[in-house]
Amino acid sequence: MLEPRATVAAMAAYALPDLSAPDGVSPVVLAQNEHAFAPSATVRDAVANAVADGHLYPDSEWRELRATIARVRRLGPERIICGSGSMELMQLLVAA
């Protein structure tokens, strides 16, 4: 049977934070993908504009993103690879 390394086995298990507040005031607890403030008007506008095309598949060749990265990094867009998350990029790497 596989056993974890001693350093991993010695780690404390993850525990949820204690949200009880003795003074009756609930603390603000945010997860890693949350923010304490509402989005700016610029972000709200960008989301509203993105929703307009939300029914369409994205460009699978990532032309606009690759062109922007190429311009900023002074590279040819053919030297840049993009994907829908790390799993897709790893799959492309293995396939290559």
PDB file of N, CA and C in Angstrom:
ATOM      1  N   MET A   1       0.842  -1.180   0.000  1.00  0.00           N
ATOM      2  CA  MET A   1       0.000   0.000   0.000  1.00  0.00           C
ATOM      3  C   MET A   1       0.888   1.244   0.000  1.00  0.00           C
ATOM      4  N   LEU A   2       0.453   2.266  -0.729  1.00  0.00           N
ATOM      5  CA  LEU A   2       1.201   3.516  -0.782  1.00  0.00           C
ATOM      6  C   LEU A   2       1.000   4.316   0.490  1.00  0.00           C
ATOM      7  N   GLU A   3       2.061   4.878   0.969  1.00  0.00           N
ATOM      8  CA  GLU A   3       2.010   5.721   2.159  1.00  0.00           C
ATOM      9  C   GLU A   3       2.532   7.103   1.791  1.00  0.00           C
ATOM     10  N   PRO A   4       1.948   8.144   2.347  1.00  0.00           N
ATOM     11  CA  PRO A   4       2.461   9.485   2.046  1.00  0.00           C
ATOM     12  C   PRO A   4       3.821   9.698   2.690  1.00  0.00           C
ATOM     13  N   ARG A   5       4.568  10.609   2.138  1.00  0.00           N
ATOM     14  CA  ARG A   5       5.853  10.968   2.758  1.00  0.00           C
ATOM     15  C   ARG A   5       5.610  11.440   4.184  1.00  0.00           C
ATOM     16  N   ALA A   6       6.600  11.262   5.029  1.00  0.00           N
ATOM     17  CA  ALA A   6       6.456  11.628   6.441  1.00  0.00           C
ATOM     18  C   ALA A   6       6.095  13.103   6.598  1.00  0.00           C
ATOM     19  N   THR A   7       6.694  13.962   5.772  1.00  0.00           N
ATOM     20  CA  THR A   7       6.410  15.401   5.890  1.00  0.00           C
ATOM     21  C   THR A   7       4.956  15.703   5.532  1.00  0.00           C
ATOM     22  N   VAL A   8       4.415  14.967   4.571  1.00  0.00           N
ATOM     23  CA  VAL A   8       3.014  15.167   4.194  1.00  0.00           C
ATOM     24  C   VAL A   8       2.095  14.578   5.261  1.00  0.00           C
ATOM     25  N   ALA A   9       2.416  13.406   5.750  1.00  0.00           N
ATOM     26  CA  ALA A   9       1.594  12.768   6.780  1.00  0.00           C
ATOM     27  C   ALA A   9       1.556  13.599   8.060  1.00  0.00           C
ATOM     28  N   ALA A  10       2.613  14.353   8.337  1.00  0.00           N
ATOM     29  CA  ALA A  10       2.680  15.151   9.561  1.00  0.00           C
ATOM     30  C   ALA A  10       1.886  16.454   9.463  1.00  0.00           C
ATOM     31  N   MET A  11       1.449  16.816   8.252  1.00  0.00           N
ATOM     32  CA  MET A  11       0.703  18.068   8.092  1.00  0.00           C
ATOM     33  C   MET A  11      -0.672  17.954   8.733  1.00  0.00           C
ATOM     34  N   ALA A  12      -1.126  19.059   9.291  1.00  0.00           N
ATOM     35  CA  ALA A  12      -2.464  19.091   9.869  1.00  0.00           C
ATOM     36  C   ALA A  12      -3.495  19.067   8.746  1.00  0.00           C
ATOM     37  N   ALA A  13      -4.590  18.408   8.997  1.00  0.00           N
ATOM     38  CA  ALA A  13      -5.661  18.355   8.003  1.00  0.00           C
ATOM     39  C   ALA A  13      -6.274  19.733   7.846  1.00  0.00           C
ATOM     40  N   TYR A  14      -6.782  20.025   6.641  1.00  0.00           N
ATOM     41  CA  TYR A  14      -7.432  21.306   6.398  1.00  0.00           C
ATOM     42  C   TYR A  14      -8.690  21.395   7.239  1.00  0.00           C
ATOM     43  N   ALA A  15      -8.899  22.528   7.847  1.00  0.00           N
ATOM     44  CA  ALA A  15     -10.095  22.737   8.652  1.00  0.00           C
ATOM     45  C   ALA A  15     -10.752  24.041   8.220  1.00  0.00           C
ATOM     46  N   LEU A  16     -12.062  24.048   8.208  1.00  0.00           N
ATOM     47  CA  LEU A  16     -12.783  25.272   7.890  1.00  0.00           C
ATOM     48  C   LEU A  16     -12.577  26.291   8.998  1.00  0.00           C
ATOM     49  N   PRO A  17     -12.596  27.585   8.662  1.00  0.00           N
ATOM     50  CA  PRO A  17     -12.411  28.587   9.708  1.00  0.00           C
ATOM     51  C   PRO A  17     -13.593  28.609  10.668  1.00  0.00           C
ATOM     52  N   ASP A  18     -13.327  28.977  11.898  1.00  0.00           N
ATOM     53  CA  ASP A  18     -14.377  29.102  12.904  1.00  0.00           C
ATOM     54  C   ASP A  18     -15.079  30.438  12.678  1.00  0.00           C
ATOM     55  N   LEU A  19     -16.329  30.390  12.242  1.00  0.00           N
ATOM     56  CA  LEU A  19     -17.061  31.604  11.907  1.00  0.00           C
ATOM     57  C   LEU A  19     -17.943  32.099  13.042  1.00  0.00           C
ATOM     58  N   SER A  20     -17.854  31.453  14.189  1.00  0.00           N
ATOM     59  CA  SER A  20     -18.666  31.919  15.311  1.00  0.00           C
ATOM     60  C   SER A  20     -18.049  33.203  15.856  1.00  0.00           C
ATOM     61  N   ALA A  21     -18.903  34.142  16.156  1.00  0.00           N
ATOM     62  CA  ALA A  21     -18.439  35.433  16.679  1.00  0.00           C
ATOM     63  C   ALA A  21     -19.064  35.649  18.048  1.00  0.00           C
ATOM     64  N   PRO A  22     -18.250  35.678  19.096  1.00  0.00           N
ATOM     65  CA  PRO A  22     -18.799  35.821  20.450  1.00  0.00           C
ATOM     66  C   PRO A  22     -19.546  37.135  20.648  1.00  0.00           C
ATOM     67  N   ASP A  23     -19.169  38.182  19.907  1.00  0.00           N
ATOM     68  CA  ASP A  23     -19.827  39.478  20.082  1.00  0.00           C
ATOM     69  C   ASP A  23     -21.035  39.651  19.158  1.00  0.00           C
ATOM     70  N   GLY A  24     -21.368  38.604  18.399  1.00  0.00           N
ATOM     71  CA  GLY A  24     -22.524  38.657  17.516  1.00  0.00           C
ATOM     72  C   GLY A  24     -22.246  39.258  16.154  1.00  0.00           C
ATOM     73  N   VAL A  25     -21.039  39.731  15.926  1.00  0.00           N
ATOM     74  CA  VAL A  25     -20.679  40.320  14.639  1.00  0.00           C
ATOM     75  C   VAL A  25     -19.978  39.254  13.814  1.00  0.00           C
ATOM     76  N   SER A  26     -20.523  38.948  12.654  1.00  0.00           N
ATOM     77  CA  SER A  26     -19.928  37.930  11.803  1.00  0.00           C
ATOM     78  C   SER A  26     -18.714  38.504  11.070  1.00  0.00           C
ATOM     79  N   PRO A  27     -17.598  37.791  11.089  1.00  0.00           N
ATOM     80  CA  PRO A  27     -16.425  38.273  10.366  1.00  0.00           C
ATOM     81  C   PRO A  27     -16.603  38.094   8.851  1.00  0.00           C
ATOM     82  N   VAL A  28     -15.864  38.860   8.106  1.00  0.00           N
ATOM     83  CA  VAL A  28     -15.866  38.696   6.657  1.00  0.00           C
ATOM     84  C   VAL A  28     -14.832  37.637   6.329  1.00  0.00           C
ATOM     85  N   VAL A  29     -15.277  36.545   5.730  1.00  0.00           N
ATOM     86  CA  VAL A  29     -14.388  35.462   5.353  1.00  0.00           C
ATOM     87  C   VAL A  29     -14.524  35.267   3.854  1.00  0.00           C
ATOM     88  N   LEU A  30     -13.417  35.419   3.158  1.00  0.00           N
ATOM     89  CA  LEU A  30     -13.432  35.311   1.708  1.00  0.00           C
ATOM     90  C   LEU A  30     -12.635  34.105   1.254  1.00  0.00           C
ATOM     91  N   ALA A  31     -13.155  33.417   0.260  1.00  0.00           N
ATOM     92  CA  ALA A  31     -12.413  32.319  -0.355  1.00  0.00           C
ATOM     93  C   ALA A  31     -11.371  32.913  -1.296  1.00  0.00           C
ATOM     94  N   GLN A  32     -10.564  32.063  -1.883  1.00  0.00           N
ATOM     95  CA  GLN A  32      -9.475  32.534  -2.734  1.00  0.00           C
ATOM     96  C   GLN A  32      -9.961  33.252  -3.978  1.00  0.00           C
ATOM     97  N   ASN A  33     -11.168  32.970  -4.429  1.00  0.00           N
ATOM     98  CA  ASN A  33     -11.650  33.595  -5.649  1.00  0.00           C
ATOM     99  C   ASN A  33     -12.673  34.698  -5.376  1.00  0.00           C
ATOM    100  N   GLU A  34     -12.711  35.209  -4.158  1.00  0.00           N
ATOM    101  CA  GLU A  34     -13.651  36.258  -3.794  1.00  0.00           C
ATOM    102  C   GLU A  34     -12.908  37.545  -3.490  1.00  0.00           C
ATOM    103  N   HIS A  35     -13.651  38.638  -3.527  1.00  0.00           N
ATOM    104  CA  HIS A  35     -13.076  39.948  -3.259  1.00  0.00           C
ATOM    105  C   HIS A  35     -14.042  40.703  -2.351  1.00  0.00           C
ATOM    106  N   ALA A  36     -13.531  41.507  -1.466  1.00  0.00           N
ATOM    107  CA  ALA A  36     -14.366  42.227  -0.511  1.00  0.00           C
ATOM    108  C   ALA A  36     -15.122  43.389  -1.138  1.00  0.00           C
ATOM    109  N   PHE A  37     -14.708  43.837  -2.313  1.00  0.00           N
ATOM    110  CA  PHE A  37     -15.318  45.000  -2.935  1.00  0.00           C
ATOM    111  C   PHE A  37     -16.025  44.621  -4.229  1.00  0.00           C
ATOM    112  N   ALA A  38     -17.053  45.363  -4.562  1.00  0.00           N
ATOM    113  CA  ALA A  38     -17.784  45.142  -5.815  1.00  0.00           C
ATOM    114  C   ALA A  38     -16.880  45.485  -6.997  1.00  0.00           C
ATOM    115  N   PRO A  39     -17.150  44.907  -8.166  1.00  0.00           N
ATOM    116  CA  PRO A  39     -16.318  45.221  -9.327  1.00  0.00           C
ATOM    117  C   PRO A  39     -16.485  46.674  -9.758  1.00  0.00           C
ATOM    118  N   SER A  40     -15.439  47.210 -10.368  1.00  0.00           N
ATOM    119  CA  SER A  40     -15.480  48.588 -10.851  1.00  0.00           C
ATOM    120  C   SER A  40     -16.410  48.689 -12.054  1.00  0.00           C
ATOM    121  N   ALA A  41     -16.728  49.909 -12.440  1.00  0.00           N
ATOM    122  CA  ALA A  41     -17.578  50.135 -13.616  1.00  0.00           C
ATOM    123  C   ALA A  41     -16.912  49.573 -14.865  1.00  0.00           C
ATOM    124  N   THR A  42     -15.600  49.657 -14.943  1.00  0.00           N
ATOM    125  CA  THR A  42     -14.874  49.120 -16.098  1.00  0.00           C
ATOM    126  C   THR A  42     -15.070  47.610 -16.196  1.00  0.00           C
ATOM    127  N   VAL A  43     -14.974  46.919 -15.071  1.00  0.00           N
ATOM    128  CA  VAL A  43     -15.158  45.466 -15.049  1.00  0.00           C
ATOM    129  C   VAL A  43     -16.599  45.114 -15.394  1.00  0.00           C
ATOM    130  N   ARG A  44     -17.554  45.834 -14.815  1.00  0.00           N
ATOM    131  CA  ARG A  44     -18.965  45.559 -15.113  1.00  0.00           C
ATOM    132  C   ARG A  44     -19.254  45.735 -16.604  1.00  0.00           C
ATOM    133  N   ASP A  45     -18.684  46.797 -17.202  1.00  0.00           N
ATOM    134  CA  ASP A  45     -18.876  47.017 -18.645  1.00  0.00           C
ATOM    135  C   ASP A  45     -18.256  45.892 -19.460  1.00  0.00           C
ATOM    136  N   ALA A  46     -17.066  45.453 -19.068  1.00  0.00           N
ATOM    137  CA  ALA A  46     -16.394  44.366 -19.794  1.00  0.00           C
ATOM    138  C   ALA A  46     -17.206  43.079 -19.711  1.00  0.00           C
ATOM    139  N   VAL A  47     -17.765  42.793 -18.551  1.00  0.00           N
ATOM    140  CA  VAL A  47     -18.582  41.587 -18.385  1.00  0.00           C
ATOM    141  C   VAL A  47     -19.848  41.701 -19.233  1.00  0.00           C
ATOM    142  N   ALA A  48     -20.480  42.869 -19.209  1.00  0.00           N
ATOM    143  CA  ALA A  48     -21.698  43.061 -20.009  1.00  0.00           C
ATOM    144  C   ALA A  48     -21.403  42.871 -21.498  1.00  0.00           C
ATOM    145  N   ASN A  49     -20.270  43.395 -21.953  1.00  0.00           N
ATOM    146  CA  ASN A  49     -19.893  43.229 -23.361  1.00  0.00           C
ATOM    147  C   ASN A  49     -19.591  41.771 -23.681  1.00  0.00           C
ATOM    148  N   ALA A  50     -18.955  41.059 -22.761  1.00  0.00           N
ATOM    149  CA  ALA A  50     -18.619  39.653 -22.983  1.00  0.00           C
ATOM    150  C   ALA A  50     -19.875  38.796 -23.051  1.00  0.00           C
ATOM    151  N   VAL A  51     -20.883  39.132 -22.266  1.00  0.00           N
ATOM    152  CA  VAL A  51     -22.118  38.362 -22.244  1.00  0.00           C
ATOM    153  C   VAL A  51     -22.829  38.438 -23.592  1.00  0.00           C
ATOM    154  N   ALA A  52     -22.647  39.537 -24.304  1.00  0.00           N
ATOM    155  CA  ALA A  52     -23.301  39.703 -25.605  1.00  0.00           C
ATOM    156  C   ALA A  52     -22.896  38.600 -26.579  1.00  0.00           C
ATOM    157  N   ASP A  53     -21.662  38.091 -26.453  1.00  0.00           N
ATOM    158  CA  ASP A  53     -21.179  37.023 -27.331  1.00  0.00           C
ATOM    159  C   ASP A  53     -21.077  35.684 -26.614  1.00  0.00           C
ATOM    160  N   GLY A  54     -21.689  35.586 -25.440  1.00  0.00           N
ATOM    161  CA  GLY A  54     -21.572  34.383 -24.624  1.00  0.00           C
ATOM    162  C   GLY A  54     -22.164  33.134 -25.237  1.00  0.00           C
ATOM    163  N   HIS A  55     -23.017  33.287 -26.220  1.00  0.00           N
ATOM    164  CA  HIS A  55     -23.647  32.126 -26.858  1.00  0.00           C
ATOM    165  C   HIS A  55     -22.773  31.524 -27.958  1.00  0.00           C
ATOM    166  N   LEU A  56     -21.656  32.159 -28.252  1.00  0.00           N
ATOM    167  CA  LEU A  56     -20.762  31.695 -29.312  1.00  0.00           C
ATOM    168  C   LEU A  56     -19.569  30.953 -28.722  1.00  0.00           C
ATOM    169  N   TYR A  57     -19.050  29.986 -29.466  1.00  0.00           N
ATOM    170  CA  TYR A  57     -17.809  29.339 -29.047  1.00  0.00           C
ATOM    171  C   TYR A  57     -16.666  30.338 -29.183  1.00  0.00           C
ATOM    172  N   PRO A  58     -15.707  30.294 -28.275  1.00  0.00           N
ATOM    173  CA  PRO A  58     -14.567  31.203 -28.406  1.00  0.00           C
ATOM    174  C   PRO A  58     -13.669  30.763 -29.564  1.00  0.00           C
ATOM    175  N   ASP A  59     -12.798  31.656 -29.959  1.00  0.00           N
ATOM    176  CA  ASP A  59     -11.841  31.357 -31.022  1.00  0.00           C
ATOM    177  C   ASP A  59     -10.863  30.306 -30.508  1.00  0.00           C
ATOM    178  N   SER A  60     -10.940  29.101 -31.043  1.00  0.00           N
ATOM    179  CA  SER A  60     -10.082  28.015 -30.568  1.00  0.00           C
ATOM    180  C   SER A  60      -8.619  28.231 -30.911  1.00  0.00           C
ATOM    181  N   GLU A  61      -8.328  29.169 -31.777  1.00  0.00           N
ATOM    182  CA  GLU A  61      -6.936  29.477 -32.132  1.00  0.00           C
ATOM    183  C   GLU A  61      -6.400  30.648 -31.302  1.00  0.00           C
ATOM    184  N   TRP A  62      -7.243  31.269 -30.505  1.00  0.00           N
ATOM    185  CA  TRP A  62      -6.845  32.351 -29.598  1.00  0.00           C
ATOM    186  C   TRP A  62      -6.137  33.478 -30.341  1.00  0.00           C
ATOM    187  N   ARG A  63      -6.599  33.853 -31.518  1.00  0.00           N
ATOM    188  CA  ARG A  63      -5.898  34.819 -32.369  1.00  0.00           C
ATOM    189  C   ARG A  63      -5.683  36.162 -31.685  1.00  0.00           C
ATOM    190  N   GLU A  64      -6.748  36.731 -31.121  1.00  0.00           N
ATOM    191  CA  GLU A  64      -6.625  38.062 -30.504  1.00  0.00           C
ATOM    192  C   GLU A  64      -5.695  38.033 -29.296  1.00  0.00           C
ATOM    193  N   LEU A  65      -5.840  37.042 -28.436  1.00  0.00           N
ATOM    194  CA  LEU A  65      -4.982  36.934 -27.247  1.00  0.00           C
ATOM    195  C   LEU A  65      -3.527  36.715 -27.646  1.00  0.00           C
ATOM    196  N   ARG A  66      -3.297  35.806 -28.582  1.00  0.00           N
ATOM    197  CA  ARG A  66      -1.926  35.536 -29.017  1.00  0.00           C
ATOM    198  C   ARG A  66      -1.303  36.762 -29.670  1.00  0.00           C
ATOM    199  N   ALA A  67      -2.084  37.524 -30.447  1.00  0.00           N
ATOM    200  CA  ALA A  67      -1.568  38.742 -31.083  1.00  0.00           C
ATOM    201  C   ALA A  67      -1.206  39.784 -30.032  1.00  0.00           C
ATOM    202  N   THR A  68      -2.024  39.900 -29.000  1.00  0.00           N
ATOM    203  CA  THR A  68      -1.743  40.870 -27.931  1.00  0.00           C
ATOM    204  C   THR A  68      -0.490  40.477 -27.156  1.00  0.00           C
ATOM    205  N   ILE A  69      -0.398  39.205 -26.778  1.00  0.00           N
ATOM    206  CA  ILE A  69       0.793  38.736 -26.061  1.00  0.00           C
ATOM    207  C   ILE A  69       2.032  38.921 -26.938  1.00  0.00           C
ATOM    208  N   ALA A  70       1.911  38.590 -28.215  1.00  0.00           N
ATOM    209  CA  ALA A  70       3.043  38.726 -29.141  1.00  0.00           C
ATOM    210  C   ALA A  70       3.499  40.169 -29.220  1.00  0.00           C
ATOM    211  N   ARG A  71       2.543  41.092 -29.278  1.00  0.00           N
ATOM    212  CA  ARG A  71       2.907  42.512 -29.359  1.00  0.00           C
ATOM    213  C   ARG A  71       3.618  42.968 -28.080  1.00  0.00           C
ATOM    214  N   VAL A  72       3.079  42.588 -26.929  1.00  0.00           N
ATOM    215  CA  VAL A  72       3.668  43.001 -25.647  1.00  0.00           C
ATOM    216  C   VAL A  72       5.049  42.381 -25.447  1.00  0.00           C
ATOM    217  N   ARG A  73       5.192  41.112 -25.793  1.00  0.00           N
ATOM    218  CA  ARG A  73       6.449  40.384 -25.575  1.00  0.00           C
ATOM    219  C   ARG A  73       7.400  40.435 -26.765  1.00  0.00           C
ATOM    220  N   ARG A  74       6.972  41.115 -27.817  1.00  0.00           N
ATOM    221  CA  ARG A  74       7.785  41.241 -29.029  1.00  0.00           C
ATOM    222  C   ARG A  74       8.174  39.873 -29.588  1.00  0.00           C
ATOM    223  N   LEU A  75       7.175  39.028 -29.741  1.00  0.00           N
ATOM    224  CA  LEU A  75       7.352  37.687 -30.300  1.00  0.00           C
ATOM    225  C   LEU A  75       6.399  37.523 -31.471  1.00  0.00           C
ATOM    226  N   GLY A  76       6.635  36.516 -32.263  1.00  0.00           N
ATOM    227  CA  GLY A  76       5.674  36.156 -33.291  1.00  0.00           C
ATOM    228  C   GLY A  76       4.531  35.382 -32.661  1.00  0.00           C
ATOM    229  N   PRO A  77       3.295  35.637 -33.066  1.00  0.00           N
ATOM    230  CA  PRO A  77       2.164  34.923 -32.461  1.00  0.00           C
ATOM    231  C   PRO A  77       2.238  33.413 -32.654  1.00  0.00           C
ATOM    232  N   GLU A  78       2.976  32.964 -33.658  1.00  0.00           N
ATOM    233  CA  GLU A  78       3.121  31.518 -33.875  1.00  0.00           C
ATOM    234  C   GLU A  78       3.971  30.866 -32.792  1.00  0.00           C
ATOM    235  N   ARG A  79       4.652  31.673 -31.978  1.00  0.00           N
ATOM    236  CA  ARG A  79       5.481  31.143 -30.884  1.00  0.00           C
ATOM    237  C   ARG A  79       4.728  31.067 -29.562  1.00  0.00           C
ATOM    238  N   ILE A  80       3.457  31.429 -29.570  1.00  0.00           N
ATOM    239  CA  ILE A  80       2.657  31.479 -28.344  1.00  0.00           C
ATOM    240  C   ILE A  80       1.545  30.446 -28.429  1.00  0.00           C
ATOM    241  N   ILE A  81       1.357  29.707 -27.345  1.00  0.00           N
ATOM    242  CA  ILE A  81       0.274  28.720 -27.294  1.00  0.00           C
ATOM    243  C   ILE A  81      -0.628  29.075 -26.117  1.00  0.00           C
ATOM    244  N   CYS A  82      -1.901  29.006 -26.338  1.00  0.00           N
ATOM    245  CA  CYS A  82      -2.892  29.306 -25.313  1.00  0.00           C
ATOM    246  C   CYS A  82      -3.862  28.134 -25.222  1.00  0.00           C
ATOM    247  N   GLY A  83      -4.536  28.035 -24.105  1.00  0.00           N
ATOM    248  CA  GLY A  83      -5.505  26.963 -23.938  1.00  0.00           C
ATOM    249  C   GLY A  83      -6.520  27.324 -22.875  1.00  0.00           C
ATOM    250  N   SER A  84      -7.543  26.516 -22.770  1.00  0.00           N
ATOM    251  CA  SER A  84      -8.596  26.727 -21.779  1.00  0.00           C
ATOM    252  C   SER A  84      -8.201  26.035 -20.475  1.00  0.00           C
ATOM    253  N   GLY A  85      -7.226  26.577 -19.812  1.00  0.00           N
ATOM    254  CA  GLY A  85      -6.799  26.027 -18.533  1.00  0.00           C
ATOM    255  C   GLY A  85      -5.586  25.129 -18.651  1.00  0.00           C
ATOM    256  N   SER A  86      -5.039  24.797 -17.505  1.00  0.00           N
ATOM    257  CA  SER A  86      -3.797  24.029 -17.458  1.00  0.00           C
ATOM    258  C   SER A  86      -3.966  22.614 -18.003  1.00  0.00           C
ATOM    259  N   MET A  87      -5.141  22.023 -17.831  1.00  0.00           N
ATOM    260  CA  MET A  87      -5.340  20.653 -18.314  1.00  0.00           C
ATOM    261  C   MET A  87      -5.230  20.593 -19.837  1.00  0.00           C
ATOM    262  N   GLU A  88      -5.792  21.562 -20.531  1.00  0.00           N
ATOM    263  CA  GLU A  88      -5.701  21.574 -21.979  1.00  0.00           C
ATOM    264  C   GLU A  88      -4.245  21.776 -22.416  1.00  0.00           C
ATOM    265  N   LEU A  89      -3.531  22.657 -21.730  1.00  0.00           N
ATOM    266  CA  LEU A  89      -2.131  22.897 -22.084  1.00  0.00           C
ATOM    267  C   LEU A  89      -1.288  21.655 -21.856  1.00  0.00           C
ATOM    268  N   MET A  90      -1.538  20.932 -20.765  1.00  0.00           N
ATOM    269  CA  MET A  90      -0.794  19.694 -20.510  1.00  0.00           C
ATOM    270  C   MET A  90      -1.141  18.648 -21.558  1.00  0.00           C
ATOM    271  N   GLN A  91      -2.408  18.589 -21.964  1.00  0.00           N
ATOM    272  CA  GLN A  91      -2.811  17.635 -22.998  1.00  0.00           C
ATOM    273  C   GLN A  91      -2.109  17.959 -24.317  1.00  0.00           C
ATOM    274  N   LEU A  92      -2.004  19.249 -24.652  1.00  0.00           N
ATOM    275  CA  LEU A  92      -1.307  19.651 -25.874  1.00  0.00           C
ATOM    276  C   LEU A  92       0.184  19.283 -25.787  1.00  0.00           C
ATOM    277  N   LEU A  93       0.771  19.476 -24.613  1.00  0.00           N
ATOM    278  CA  LEU A  93       2.180  19.145 -24.411  1.00  0.00           C
ATOM    279  C   LEU A  93       2.416  17.647 -24.608  1.00  0.00           C
ATOM    280  N   VAL A  94       1.549  16.818 -24.036  1.00  0.00           N
ATOM    281  CA  VAL A  94       1.693  15.375 -24.164  1.00  0.00           C
ATOM    282  C   VAL A  94       1.495  14.955 -25.611  1.00  0.00           C
ATOM    283  N   ALA A  95       0.520  15.571 -26.283  1.00  0.00           N
ATOM    284  CA  ALA A  95       0.274  15.240 -27.682  1.00  0.00           C
ATOM    285  C   ALA A  95       1.449  15.626 -28.571  1.00  0.00           C
ATOM    286  N   ALA A  96       2.146  16.691 -28.199  1.00  0.00           N
ATOM    287  CA  ALA A  96       3.294  17.129 -29.009  1.00  0.00           C
ATOM    288  C   ALA A  96       4.434  16.137 -28.856  1.00  0.00           C
TER     289      ALA A  96
END
